[in-house]
Protein backbone atom coordinates (compact mmCIF):
# COMPACT_ATOMS: atom_id res chain seq x y z
CA MET A 1 -3.59 -27.95 42.36
CA THR A 2 -4.00 -30.35 39.49
CA PRO A 3 -4.32 -28.92 36.01
CA THR A 4 -7.71 -29.23 34.37
CA ARG A 5 -7.71 -31.01 31.08
CA ILE A 6 -9.95 -29.75 28.31
CA ASN A 7 -10.63 -31.37 25.03
CA ARG A 8 -9.79 -29.84 21.69
CA ARG A 9 -13.37 -28.80 20.96
CA ARG A 10 -13.69 -26.90 24.26
CA PHE A 11 -10.33 -25.22 23.65
CA LEU A 12 -11.34 -24.05 20.14
CA LEU A 13 -14.67 -22.71 21.39
CA THR A 14 -13.02 -20.79 24.23
CA ALA A 15 -10.16 -19.45 22.10
CA GLY A 16 -12.53 -18.49 19.27
CA GLY A 17 -14.81 -16.65 21.68
CA ALA A 18 -11.89 -14.78 23.22
CA LEU A 19 -10.50 -13.82 19.80
CA GLY A 20 -13.92 -12.72 18.61
CA ALA A 21 -14.51 -10.60 21.69
CA SER A 22 -11.11 -8.93 21.44
CA ALA A 23 -11.60 -8.27 17.73
CA LEU A 24 -14.94 -6.60 18.45
CA ALA A 25 -13.45 -4.55 21.28
CA CYS A 26 -10.47 -3.41 19.22
CA GLY A 27 -12.67 -2.66 16.25
CA GLY A 28 -14.93 -0.57 18.44
CA LEU A 29 -11.96 1.32 19.87
CA ALA A 30 -10.61 1.96 16.38
CA ALA A 31 -13.97 3.30 15.30
CA LEU A 32 -14.02 5.64 18.28
CA ALA A 33 -10.48 6.85 17.54
CA THR A 34 -11.33 7.74 13.94
CA ARG A 35 -14.70 9.35 14.68
CA LYS A 36 -14.54 13.12 14.21
CA PRO A 37 -16.05 15.13 17.02
CA GLU A 38 -19.13 17.14 16.15
CA ILE A 39 -18.37 20.79 15.50
CA ASP A 40 -20.71 23.62 16.32
CA LEU A 41 -20.72 25.74 13.17
CA ALA A 42 -21.93 29.29 13.58
CA GLU A 43 -25.13 30.27 11.82
CA SER A 44 -26.23 33.56 13.29
CA THR A 45 -28.02 36.76 12.41
CA TYR A 46 -27.16 40.00 14.19
CA GLY A 47 -28.72 43.45 14.01
CA GLU A 48 -31.72 44.64 12.05
CA ALA A 49 -31.51 45.78 8.46
CA ASP A 50 -33.47 48.72 7.21
CA SER A 51 -34.28 48.99 3.53
CA MET A 52 -31.50 51.53 2.94
CA SER A 53 -28.50 49.77 4.44
CA GLY A 54 -28.99 46.11 3.48
CA ARG A 55 -27.20 43.19 5.06
CA ILE A 56 -23.60 41.97 5.25
CA LEU A 57 -22.71 38.30 4.85
CA VAL A 58 -19.87 36.68 6.78
CA ALA A 59 -19.28 33.36 4.98
CA TYR A 60 -16.70 30.88 6.21
CA ALA A 61 -15.30 27.35 5.87
CA SER A 62 -14.11 25.57 9.01
CA THR A 63 -12.81 22.10 9.82
CA HIS A 64 -12.48 22.14 13.61
CA GLY A 65 -14.67 25.13 14.56
CA SER A 66 -12.02 27.77 15.15
CA THR A 67 -12.84 29.62 11.91
CA ALA A 68 -16.55 29.45 12.73
CA GLY A 69 -15.78 31.21 16.01
CA VAL A 70 -13.76 33.91 14.25
CA ALA A 71 -16.55 34.42 11.70
CA ASP A 72 -19.10 34.76 14.49
CA ALA A 73 -16.90 37.32 16.29
CA ILE A 74 -16.59 39.32 13.06
CA GLY A 75 -20.38 39.24 12.68
CA LYS A 76 -20.91 40.47 16.25
CA ALA A 77 -18.35 43.27 15.79
CA LEU A 78 -20.01 44.48 12.58
CA ALA A 79 -23.43 44.39 14.24
CA GLN A 80 -22.16 46.61 17.08
CA ASP A 81 -21.72 49.31 14.44
CA GLY A 82 -25.44 49.07 13.66
CA VAL A 83 -25.18 46.77 10.65
CA ALA A 84 -27.35 43.70 10.00
CA VAL A 85 -25.13 40.65 9.58
CA ASP A 86 -25.69 37.02 8.60
CA VAL A 87 -22.94 34.53 9.58
CA ARG A 88 -23.15 31.38 7.44
CA CYS A 89 -21.03 28.40 6.46
CA VAL A 90 -20.11 28.69 2.74
CA LYS A 91 -21.89 25.39 2.07
CA GLU A 92 -25.18 26.97 3.20
CA VAL A 93 -24.98 30.11 1.01
CA GLU A 94 -26.70 29.96 -2.35
CA ASP A 95 -27.49 33.57 -3.24
CA LEU A 96 -25.69 36.85 -2.57
CA ALA A 97 -28.30 39.18 -4.09
CA SER A 98 -29.55 40.50 -0.73
CA TYR A 99 -26.09 41.45 0.57
CA ARG A 100 -24.41 44.82 0.18
CA ALA A 101 -21.01 43.47 1.29
CA VAL A 102 -19.35 40.12 1.99
CA VAL A 103 -16.64 38.97 4.38
CA ALA A 104 -15.35 35.55 3.28
CA GLY A 105 -12.89 33.42 5.20
CA SER A 106 -11.45 29.98 5.62
CA ALA A 107 -9.27 27.84 7.78
CA ILE A 108 -5.88 27.11 6.24
CA TYR A 109 -5.03 23.53 5.45
CA GLY A 110 -1.96 22.60 3.42
CA ASN A 111 -1.01 26.28 3.01
CA ALA A 112 -4.31 27.09 1.29
CA TRP A 113 -7.93 27.93 1.90
CA LEU A 114 -10.22 24.93 2.28
CA PRO A 115 -11.56 23.71 -1.09
CA GLU A 116 -15.18 24.56 -0.27
CA ALA A 117 -14.23 28.18 0.51
CA LEU A 118 -12.36 28.56 -2.77
CA GLU A 119 -15.28 26.96 -4.61
CA PHE A 120 -17.62 29.47 -2.96
CA VAL A 121 -15.54 32.39 -4.26
CA GLN A 122 -15.30 30.85 -7.73
CA ALA A 123 -19.06 30.21 -7.89
CA HIS A 124 -19.90 33.77 -6.77
CA GLN A 125 -16.96 35.59 -8.34
CA ALA A 126 -19.02 38.01 -10.44
CA GLU A 127 -21.25 38.95 -7.49
CA LEU A 128 -18.28 39.34 -5.14
CA GLN A 129 -16.56 41.71 -7.58
CA ARG A 130 -19.63 43.98 -7.54
CA VAL A 131 -19.80 44.43 -3.75
CA PRO A 132 -17.12 45.29 -1.21
CA THR A 133 -15.52 41.99 -0.26
CA ALA A 134 -13.10 41.39 2.60
CA LEU A 135 -11.13 38.18 3.10
CA PHE A 136 -9.77 36.45 6.18
CA LEU A 137 -7.91 33.30 7.08
CA VAL A 138 -7.46 31.35 10.29
CA CYS A 139 -4.20 29.50 10.69
CA GLY A 140 -2.71 27.60 13.60
CA THR A 141 0.78 28.58 12.42
CA LEU A 142 0.12 32.11 13.62
CA ALA A 143 -0.50 30.83 17.14
CA ASN A 144 3.02 29.33 17.20
CA SER A 145 4.91 32.01 15.31
CA PRO A 146 3.15 35.36 14.74
CA GLU A 147 6.20 36.59 12.79
CA GLN A 148 5.03 34.42 9.87
CA ARG A 149 2.11 36.79 9.13
CA ASP A 150 3.55 37.77 5.74
CA THR A 151 4.17 34.16 4.72
CA VAL A 152 0.67 33.17 5.75
CA ALA A 153 -0.77 36.17 3.87
CA GLU A 154 0.59 34.75 0.62
CA TRP A 155 -1.74 31.76 1.00
CA LEU A 156 -4.58 34.15 0.14
CA GLN A 157 -3.14 34.90 -3.32
CA PRO A 158 -5.33 32.38 -5.23
CA VAL A 159 -8.41 34.03 -3.70
CA ARG A 160 -7.10 37.58 -4.28
CA SER A 161 -6.64 36.76 -7.95
CA LEU A 162 -10.37 35.98 -8.20
CA VAL A 163 -11.70 38.85 -6.08
CA PRO A 164 -9.55 41.82 -5.05
CA PRO A 165 -10.39 42.39 -1.36
CA VAL A 166 -11.10 45.75 0.26
CA ALA A 167 -9.54 44.40 3.47
CA GLU A 168 -7.83 41.27 4.80
CA GLY A 169 -7.56 39.66 8.19
CA ARG A 170 -5.25 36.94 9.51
CA PHE A 171 -6.12 35.19 12.73
CA ALA A 172 -4.37 32.53 14.80
CA GLY A 173 -6.37 29.34 15.01
CA GLN A 174 -6.51 26.81 17.77
CA ILE A 175 -3.82 24.20 18.08
CA LEU A 176 -5.24 20.70 18.36
CA PRO A 177 -3.32 17.97 20.18
CA ILE A 178 -1.71 15.47 17.83
CA MET A 179 -2.09 11.83 18.65
CA LEU A 180 1.15 9.94 18.12
CA LYS A 181 0.93 6.32 17.08
CA SER A 182 3.42 3.93 18.59
CA ARG A 183 5.34 1.79 16.16
């Protein structure tokens, strides 16, 4: 088989097209790798409130959905006791006037509540001090080593200093697979 000769112009066009196509493909793959999956955040209402008992708010901050699931489970459990409960992301809550109690929680990231959860407590501090308020956290560390419950509990201290809780809960979060980059 005799080699086919191509001129310089044809070579540049072919090489440029191949480079362009691979750049587009790699760029598309990089965009897919960095795209965060959509998370189903709980926004539910359970039970029926009568005028005497009022409603309870379960407000949460979640990054990967695990905390949203815990908040929803808390809401369902409270409703089984005959209480009306609203489960809402902290970013969606503007007013606490219609609630007789609040359960506030957050995922742990960097040994602390998520910033939006702490901002929620700071913004509503006066209201939260007037009603019974319980706190919870969701932390993947507890899934690996439950004996660290006391250490993890200390990560609630900044929130406790703003609003003394009537109760606290610590829940193990989901462990997400870590993608390792080759060097």
